[in-house]
Amino acid sequence: MKVVIQRCKKASVEVDGKLISKIDEGMLLLVGIGKGDTLEDVKRLAEKILYLRIFSDEKGLMNKNINDVKGSILAISQFTLYADTKKGNRPSFLEAMPYKEAEVMFDEFVKYLQQYVPTYKGVFGANMQVSLINDGPVTIIL
């Protein structure tokens, strides 16, 4: 499983010009599910994200987590995180989990996060337009 975390002031996702989800302060997560990923991997990464201290405290130090700042999460499925470009110029996505299995895993990831923090998502498998105001910028790759 691969997750790109972007601390944001605002983020949103649209499909076919229709607003699907939006958040204010929080995290935009780009989430890739790979072959062999398990529900244990989903839970482990979700917990890591929930406790990741990437928000500034009163002294400007990154000492607060998403719950401390009462932030939200916008999770976007992104199989392209598994792009393999070693051969040629056209990426291969053979290491990404197959669509139906990946959708189940992604939904479980979102459900786990929703137990602890307001979490929204895009439309799995859709062509999405994602917007964000990255805060910092702070971008972390797990």
N, C-alpha and C. Protein backbone atom coordinates (compact mmCIF):
# COMPACT_ATOMS: atom_id res chain seq x y z
N MET A 1 0.85 -1.17 0.00
CA MET A 1 0.00 0.00 0.00
C MET A 1 0.89 1.23 0.00
N LYS A 2 0.53 2.19 -0.79
CA LYS A 2 1.27 3.45 -0.87
C LYS A 2 0.29 4.60 -0.65
N VAL A 3 0.71 5.55 0.20
CA VAL A 3 -0.14 6.71 0.46
C VAL A 3 0.72 7.97 0.38
N VAL A 4 0.27 8.93 -0.40
CA VAL A 4 0.87 10.25 -0.44
C VAL A 4 -0.04 11.16 0.38
N ILE A 5 0.53 11.77 1.42
CA ILE A 5 -0.23 12.63 2.32
C ILE A 5 0.14 14.08 2.03
N GLN A 6 -0.85 14.90 1.82
CA GLN A 6 -0.61 16.32 1.62
C GLN A 6 -1.42 17.09 2.66
N ARG A 7 -0.70 17.81 3.52
CA ARG A 7 -1.39 18.66 4.50
C ARG A 7 -2.02 19.80 3.72
N CYS A 8 -3.29 20.08 4.00
CA CYS A 8 -3.96 21.09 3.18
C CYS A 8 -4.80 22.05 4.01
N LYS A 9 -5.01 23.22 3.41
CA LYS A 9 -5.96 24.20 3.93
C LYS A 9 -7.36 23.91 3.38
N LYS A 10 -7.40 23.42 2.13
CA LYS A 10 -8.65 23.04 1.47
C LYS A 10 -8.32 21.99 0.41
N ALA A 11 -9.28 21.11 0.17
CA ALA A 11 -9.14 20.13 -0.91
C ALA A 11 -10.54 19.74 -1.37
N SER A 12 -10.64 19.38 -2.64
CA SER A 12 -11.93 18.95 -3.18
C SER A 12 -11.71 18.00 -4.35
N VAL A 13 -12.78 17.29 -4.68
CA VAL A 13 -12.73 16.38 -5.83
C VAL A 13 -14.04 16.52 -6.59
N GLU A 14 -13.91 16.58 -7.92
CA GLU A 14 -15.06 16.66 -8.83
C GLU A 14 -15.00 15.51 -9.82
N VAL A 15 -16.16 15.09 -10.27
CA VAL A 15 -16.27 14.11 -11.35
C VAL A 15 -17.30 14.67 -12.32
N ASP A 16 -16.92 14.78 -13.59
CA ASP A 16 -17.80 15.32 -14.63
C ASP A 16 -18.38 16.68 -14.25
N GLY A 17 -17.55 17.52 -13.63
CA GLY A 17 -17.96 18.87 -13.26
C GLY A 17 -18.83 18.95 -12.03
N LYS A 18 -19.09 17.82 -11.37
CA LYS A 18 -19.93 17.79 -10.17
C LYS A 18 -19.05 17.62 -8.93
N LEU A 19 -19.24 18.49 -7.93
CA LEU A 19 -18.50 18.39 -6.69
C LEU A 19 -18.92 17.12 -5.95
N ILE A 20 -17.94 16.28 -5.61
CA ILE A 20 -18.21 15.03 -4.92
C ILE A 20 -17.94 15.17 -3.43
N SER A 21 -16.80 15.74 -3.09
CA SER A 21 -16.40 15.93 -1.69
C SER A 21 -15.48 17.12 -1.57
N LYS A 22 -15.50 17.74 -0.38
CA LYS A 22 -14.55 18.82 -0.11
C LYS A 22 -14.29 18.87 1.39
N ILE A 23 -13.09 19.35 1.73
CA ILE A 23 -12.71 19.54 3.13
C ILE A 23 -12.00 20.87 3.28
N ASP A 24 -11.94 21.33 4.52
CA ASP A 24 -11.09 22.47 4.84
C ASP A 24 -9.80 21.90 5.43
N GLU A 25 -9.29 22.43 6.52
CA GLU A 25 -8.00 21.99 7.05
C GLU A 25 -7.98 20.49 7.27
N GLY A 26 -6.89 19.87 6.85
CA GLY A 26 -6.75 18.44 7.04
C GLY A 26 -5.71 17.84 6.13
N MET A 27 -6.04 16.65 5.61
CA MET A 27 -5.12 15.90 4.75
C MET A 27 -5.82 15.44 3.48
N LEU A 28 -5.13 15.59 2.37
CA LEU A 28 -5.53 14.95 1.13
C LEU A 28 -4.66 13.70 1.03
N LEU A 29 -5.29 12.54 0.89
CA LEU A 29 -4.56 11.28 0.78
C LEU A 29 -4.75 10.71 -0.62
N LEU A 30 -3.65 10.43 -1.30
CA LEU A 30 -3.67 9.70 -2.56
C LEU A 30 -3.28 8.28 -2.21
N VAL A 31 -4.18 7.33 -2.46
CA VAL A 31 -4.04 5.98 -1.92
C VAL A 31 -3.95 4.95 -3.04
N GLY A 32 -2.84 4.21 -3.06
CA GLY A 32 -2.65 3.12 -4.00
C GLY A 32 -2.63 1.80 -3.26
N ILE A 33 -3.36 0.82 -3.78
CA ILE A 33 -3.41 -0.51 -3.18
C ILE A 33 -2.67 -1.46 -4.13
N GLY A 34 -1.71 -2.19 -3.57
CA GLY A 34 -0.91 -3.09 -4.38
C GLY A 34 -1.27 -4.55 -4.19
N LYS A 35 -0.85 -5.36 -5.15
CA LYS A 35 -1.05 -6.81 -5.03
C LYS A 35 -0.43 -7.28 -3.72
N GLY A 36 -1.15 -8.10 -3.02
CA GLY A 36 -0.62 -8.64 -1.77
C GLY A 36 -0.93 -7.82 -0.54
N ASP A 37 -1.47 -6.62 -0.71
CA ASP A 37 -1.85 -5.82 0.45
C ASP A 37 -3.00 -6.51 1.19
N THR A 38 -2.99 -6.36 2.51
CA THR A 38 -3.99 -7.03 3.35
C THR A 38 -4.75 -6.02 4.19
N LEU A 39 -5.79 -6.50 4.86
CA LEU A 39 -6.54 -5.62 5.77
C LEU A 39 -5.65 -5.16 6.92
N GLU A 40 -4.67 -5.96 7.30
CA GLU A 40 -3.70 -5.53 8.32
C GLU A 40 -2.90 -4.33 7.83
N ASP A 41 -2.50 -4.34 6.56
CA ASP A 41 -1.78 -3.20 5.97
C ASP A 41 -2.66 -1.94 5.99
N VAL A 42 -3.93 -2.13 5.66
CA VAL A 42 -4.89 -1.02 5.65
C VAL A 42 -4.97 -0.40 7.04
N LYS A 43 -5.15 -1.23 8.05
CA LYS A 43 -5.28 -0.75 9.42
C LYS A 43 -3.99 -0.08 9.90
N ARG A 44 -2.85 -0.70 9.60
CA ARG A 44 -1.56 -0.16 10.04
C ARG A 44 -1.31 1.23 9.44
N LEU A 45 -1.54 1.39 8.15
CA LEU A 45 -1.33 2.70 7.53
C LEU A 45 -2.34 3.72 8.01
N ALA A 46 -3.58 3.31 8.19
CA ALA A 46 -4.60 4.24 8.69
C ALA A 46 -4.21 4.75 10.08
N GLU A 47 -3.76 3.85 10.94
CA GLU A 47 -3.35 4.27 12.29
C GLU A 47 -2.15 5.21 12.22
N LYS A 48 -1.20 4.92 11.36
CA LYS A 48 -0.03 5.78 11.19
C LYS A 48 -0.48 7.19 10.79
N ILE A 49 -1.41 7.26 9.86
CA ILE A 49 -1.91 8.55 9.36
C ILE A 49 -2.63 9.31 10.48
N LEU A 50 -3.43 8.61 11.25
CA LEU A 50 -4.19 9.26 12.32
C LEU A 50 -3.30 9.89 13.39
N TYR A 51 -2.14 9.30 13.61
CA TYR A 51 -1.27 9.80 14.68
C TYR A 51 -0.05 10.57 14.15
N LEU A 52 0.05 10.71 12.84
CA LEU A 52 1.17 11.43 12.23
C LEU A 52 1.11 12.90 12.62
N ARG A 53 2.18 13.37 13.24
CA ARG A 53 2.21 14.76 13.73
C ARG A 53 2.81 15.66 12.66
N ILE A 54 1.93 16.17 11.79
CA ILE A 54 2.38 17.04 10.70
C ILE A 54 1.71 18.41 10.74
N PHE A 55 0.96 18.68 11.81
CA PHE A 55 0.31 19.98 11.95
C PHE A 55 1.04 20.80 13.01
N SER A 56 1.09 22.10 12.78
CA SER A 56 1.88 22.99 13.63
C SER A 56 1.21 23.26 14.97
N ASP A 57 2.05 23.34 16.00
CA ASP A 57 1.58 23.74 17.32
C ASP A 57 1.72 25.25 17.45
N GLU A 58 1.55 25.77 18.64
CA GLU A 58 1.60 27.22 18.88
C GLU A 58 2.99 27.81 18.59
N LYS A 59 4.02 26.95 18.62
CA LYS A 59 5.39 27.41 18.36
C LYS A 59 5.80 27.21 16.90
N GLY A 60 4.87 26.72 16.10
CA GLY A 60 5.17 26.50 14.69
C GLY A 60 5.86 25.17 14.41
N LEU A 61 5.94 24.30 15.42
CA LEU A 61 6.56 22.98 15.24
C LEU A 61 5.50 21.95 14.89
N MET A 62 5.87 20.98 14.07
CA MET A 62 4.93 19.93 13.69
C MET A 62 4.79 18.94 14.85
N ASN A 63 3.86 19.24 15.74
CA ASN A 63 3.63 18.42 16.93
C ASN A 63 2.19 17.95 17.08
N LYS A 64 1.31 18.32 16.16
CA LYS A 64 -0.10 17.96 16.30
C LYS A 64 -0.52 17.00 15.19
N ASN A 65 -1.47 16.11 15.54
CA ASN A 65 -2.00 15.20 14.54
C ASN A 65 -3.36 15.69 14.04
N ILE A 66 -3.97 14.96 13.17
CA ILE A 66 -5.23 15.36 12.52
C ILE A 66 -6.34 15.59 13.54
N ASN A 67 -6.39 14.76 14.58
CA ASN A 67 -7.42 14.93 15.62
C ASN A 67 -7.17 16.16 16.46
N ASP A 68 -5.90 16.47 16.74
CA ASP A 68 -5.57 17.64 17.55
C ASP A 68 -6.08 18.93 16.92
N VAL A 69 -6.05 18.99 15.59
CA VAL A 69 -6.48 20.21 14.89
C VAL A 69 -7.93 20.12 14.40
N LYS A 70 -8.60 19.01 14.77
CA LYS A 70 -9.99 18.78 14.36
C LYS A 70 -10.15 18.88 12.85
N GLY A 71 -9.16 18.29 12.14
CA GLY A 71 -9.15 18.32 10.68
C GLY A 71 -9.97 17.20 10.07
N SER A 72 -10.04 17.21 8.75
CA SER A 72 -10.75 16.20 7.97
C SER A 72 -9.78 15.57 6.98
N ILE A 73 -10.22 14.45 6.43
CA ILE A 73 -9.43 13.73 5.43
C ILE A 73 -10.24 13.59 4.15
N LEU A 74 -9.58 13.83 3.02
CA LEU A 74 -10.15 13.52 1.71
C LEU A 74 -9.25 12.45 1.10
N ALA A 75 -9.80 11.24 0.93
CA ALA A 75 -9.04 10.11 0.39
C ALA A 75 -9.42 9.88 -1.07
N ILE A 76 -8.39 9.79 -1.90
CA ILE A 76 -8.58 9.59 -3.34
C ILE A 76 -7.84 8.32 -3.75
N SER A 77 -8.56 7.38 -4.37
CA SER A 77 -7.90 6.16 -4.86
C SER A 77 -7.02 6.53 -6.05
N GLN A 78 -5.81 5.94 -6.06
CA GLN A 78 -4.89 6.28 -7.15
C GLN A 78 -3.96 5.12 -7.45
N PHE A 79 -4.41 4.23 -8.35
CA PHE A 79 -3.62 3.07 -8.71
C PHE A 79 -2.31 3.46 -9.39
N THR A 80 -2.24 4.68 -9.94
CA THR A 80 -1.04 5.10 -10.65
C THR A 80 0.18 5.24 -9.73
N LEU A 81 -0.04 5.17 -8.41
CA LEU A 81 1.11 5.16 -7.49
C LEU A 81 1.94 3.90 -7.68
N TYR A 82 1.38 2.90 -8.34
CA TYR A 82 2.09 1.65 -8.61
C TYR A 82 2.67 1.60 -10.03
N ALA A 83 2.83 2.74 -10.65
CA ALA A 83 3.40 2.79 -12.00
C ALA A 83 4.84 2.26 -11.99
N ASP A 84 5.12 1.40 -12.94
CA ASP A 84 6.48 0.90 -13.15
C ASP A 84 6.94 1.46 -14.49
N THR A 85 8.00 2.27 -14.46
CA THR A 85 8.50 2.90 -15.69
C THR A 85 9.91 2.43 -16.04
N LYS A 86 10.30 1.27 -15.53
CA LYS A 86 11.65 0.77 -15.80
C LYS A 86 11.89 0.47 -17.27
N LYS A 87 10.86 -0.02 -17.95
CA LYS A 87 11.00 -0.37 -19.37
C LYS A 87 10.14 0.57 -20.21
N GLY A 88 10.74 1.18 -21.18
CA GLY A 88 9.99 2.02 -22.11
C GLY A 88 9.45 3.29 -21.48
N ASN A 89 8.52 3.90 -22.19
CA ASN A 89 7.95 5.18 -21.76
C ASN A 89 6.49 5.09 -21.34
N ARG A 90 5.90 3.92 -21.49
CA ARG A 90 4.51 3.74 -21.08
C ARG A 90 4.50 2.99 -19.75
N PRO A 91 3.94 3.59 -18.70
CA PRO A 91 3.94 2.93 -17.39
C PRO A 91 3.15 1.62 -17.40
N SER A 92 3.63 0.68 -16.61
CA SER A 92 2.94 -0.58 -16.38
C SER A 92 2.35 -0.52 -14.98
N PHE A 93 1.16 -1.07 -14.81
CA PHE A 93 0.49 -1.05 -13.51
C PHE A 93 0.23 -2.46 -13.00
N LEU A 94 1.09 -3.40 -13.38
CA LEU A 94 0.89 -4.79 -13.00
C LEU A 94 0.97 -5.03 -11.50
N GLU A 95 1.61 -4.17 -10.77
CA GLU A 95 1.74 -4.35 -9.31
C GLU A 95 0.55 -3.78 -8.54
N ALA A 96 -0.33 -3.05 -9.22
CA ALA A 96 -1.54 -2.54 -8.58
C ALA A 96 -2.51 -3.70 -8.38
N MET A 97 -3.25 -3.67 -7.28
CA MET A 97 -4.24 -4.70 -7.00
C MET A 97 -5.35 -4.60 -8.04
N PRO A 98 -5.91 -5.72 -8.49
CA PRO A 98 -7.03 -5.67 -9.44
C PRO A 98 -8.19 -4.82 -8.91
N TYR A 99 -8.92 -4.23 -9.83
CA TYR A 99 -9.95 -3.22 -9.56
C TYR A 99 -10.90 -3.60 -8.43
N LYS A 100 -11.60 -4.72 -8.56
CA LYS A 100 -12.65 -5.07 -7.58
C LYS A 100 -12.07 -5.29 -6.19
N GLU A 101 -10.93 -5.97 -6.11
CA GLU A 101 -10.29 -6.19 -4.81
C GLU A 101 -9.81 -4.87 -4.22
N ALA A 102 -9.23 -4.04 -5.05
CA ALA A 102 -8.70 -2.75 -4.59
C ALA A 102 -9.83 -1.86 -4.08
N GLU A 103 -10.98 -1.90 -4.74
CA GLU A 103 -12.11 -1.08 -4.29
C GLU A 103 -12.55 -1.49 -2.89
N VAL A 104 -12.60 -2.78 -2.62
CA VAL A 104 -12.97 -3.27 -1.29
C VAL A 104 -11.95 -2.79 -0.25
N MET A 105 -10.67 -2.92 -0.57
CA MET A 105 -9.61 -2.51 0.37
C MET A 105 -9.65 -1.01 0.61
N PHE A 106 -9.86 -0.23 -0.44
CA PHE A 106 -9.94 1.23 -0.31
C PHE A 106 -11.12 1.61 0.59
N ASP A 107 -12.26 0.98 0.37
CA ASP A 107 -13.44 1.26 1.19
C ASP A 107 -13.19 0.91 2.66
N GLU A 108 -12.49 -0.18 2.91
CA GLU A 108 -12.16 -0.56 4.29
C GLU A 108 -11.23 0.48 4.92
N PHE A 109 -10.30 0.98 4.15
CA PHE A 109 -9.37 2.03 4.60
C PHE A 109 -10.16 3.26 5.02
N VAL A 110 -11.08 3.70 4.18
CA VAL A 110 -11.90 4.88 4.47
C VAL A 110 -12.78 4.63 5.69
N LYS A 111 -13.41 3.46 5.77
CA LYS A 111 -14.26 3.13 6.93
C LYS A 111 -13.46 3.18 8.22
N TYR A 112 -12.25 2.67 8.19
CA TYR A 112 -11.42 2.69 9.40
C TYR A 112 -11.14 4.13 9.83
N LEU A 113 -10.73 4.97 8.88
CA LEU A 113 -10.44 6.37 9.19
C LEU A 113 -11.69 7.09 9.70
N GLN A 114 -12.85 6.80 9.11
CA GLN A 114 -14.10 7.47 9.48
C GLN A 114 -14.49 7.24 10.94
N GLN A 115 -13.97 6.18 11.54
CA GLN A 115 -14.26 5.91 12.95
C GLN A 115 -13.63 6.95 13.86
N TYR A 116 -12.59 7.64 13.36
CA TYR A 116 -11.80 8.53 14.20
C TYR A 116 -11.78 9.99 13.76
N VAL A 117 -12.01 10.24 12.49
CA VAL A 117 -11.92 11.60 11.95
C VAL A 117 -12.87 11.71 10.75
N PRO A 118 -13.49 12.88 10.54
CA PRO A 118 -14.34 13.03 9.35
C PRO A 118 -13.53 12.73 8.09
N THR A 119 -13.98 11.74 7.34
CA THR A 119 -13.24 11.28 6.16
C THR A 119 -14.19 11.18 4.98
N TYR A 120 -13.76 11.74 3.87
CA TYR A 120 -14.54 11.78 2.64
C TYR A 120 -13.71 11.15 1.54
N LYS A 121 -14.34 10.85 0.42
CA LYS A 121 -13.60 10.21 -0.66
C LYS A 121 -14.11 10.66 -2.01
N GLY A 122 -13.33 10.30 -3.02
CA GLY A 122 -13.75 10.53 -4.39
C GLY A 122 -14.59 9.35 -4.86
N VAL A 123 -14.62 9.14 -6.17
CA VAL A 123 -15.36 8.03 -6.77
C VAL A 123 -14.35 7.04 -7.29
N PHE A 124 -14.34 5.87 -6.71
CA PHE A 124 -13.34 4.86 -7.07
C PHE A 124 -13.41 4.56 -8.57
N GLY A 125 -12.26 4.61 -9.22
CA GLY A 125 -12.16 4.28 -10.63
C GLY A 125 -12.58 5.37 -11.60
N ALA A 126 -13.09 6.48 -11.08
CA ALA A 126 -13.55 7.56 -11.96
C ALA A 126 -12.38 8.46 -12.37
N ASN A 127 -12.59 9.21 -13.43
CA ASN A 127 -11.65 10.26 -13.82
C ASN A 127 -12.01 11.46 -12.95
N MET A 128 -11.17 11.74 -11.98
CA MET A 128 -11.46 12.79 -10.99
C MET A 128 -10.57 14.00 -11.21
N GLN A 129 -11.11 15.17 -10.89
CA GLN A 129 -10.33 16.39 -10.87
C GLN A 129 -10.18 16.77 -9.40
N VAL A 130 -8.93 16.72 -8.94
CA VAL A 130 -8.64 16.95 -7.52
C VAL A 130 -7.97 18.31 -7.39
N SER A 131 -8.46 19.10 -6.46
CA SER A 131 -7.88 20.42 -6.19
C SER A 131 -7.46 20.48 -4.74
N LEU A 132 -6.36 21.19 -4.47
CA LEU A 132 -5.97 21.39 -3.09
C LEU A 132 -5.14 22.64 -2.94
N ILE A 133 -5.21 23.19 -1.74
CA ILE A 133 -4.27 24.22 -1.32
C ILE A 133 -3.38 23.52 -0.31
N ASN A 134 -2.18 23.15 -0.77
CA ASN A 134 -1.23 22.43 0.08
C ASN A 134 -0.69 23.42 1.10
N ASP A 135 -0.67 23.04 2.36
CA ASP A 135 -0.24 23.89 3.45
C ASP A 135 1.19 23.57 3.82
N GLY A 136 2.09 24.47 3.56
CA GLY A 136 3.50 24.30 3.93
C GLY A 136 4.46 24.63 2.80
N PRO A 137 4.57 23.87 1.77
CA PRO A 137 3.86 22.63 1.52
C PRO A 137 4.43 21.48 2.36
N VAL A 138 3.54 20.62 2.83
CA VAL A 138 3.93 19.41 3.55
C VAL A 138 3.37 18.24 2.77
N THR A 139 4.27 17.38 2.30
CA THR A 139 3.91 16.17 1.58
C THR A 139 4.74 15.02 2.13
N ILE A 140 4.06 13.95 2.57
CA ILE A 140 4.72 12.81 3.17
C ILE A 140 4.30 11.57 2.37
N ILE A 141 5.25 10.68 2.13
CA ILE A 141 4.95 9.44 1.41
C ILE A 141 5.12 8.26 2.36
N LEU A 142 4.06 7.46 2.47
CA LEU A 142 4.12 6.24 3.29
C LEU A 142 4.02 5.04 2.36
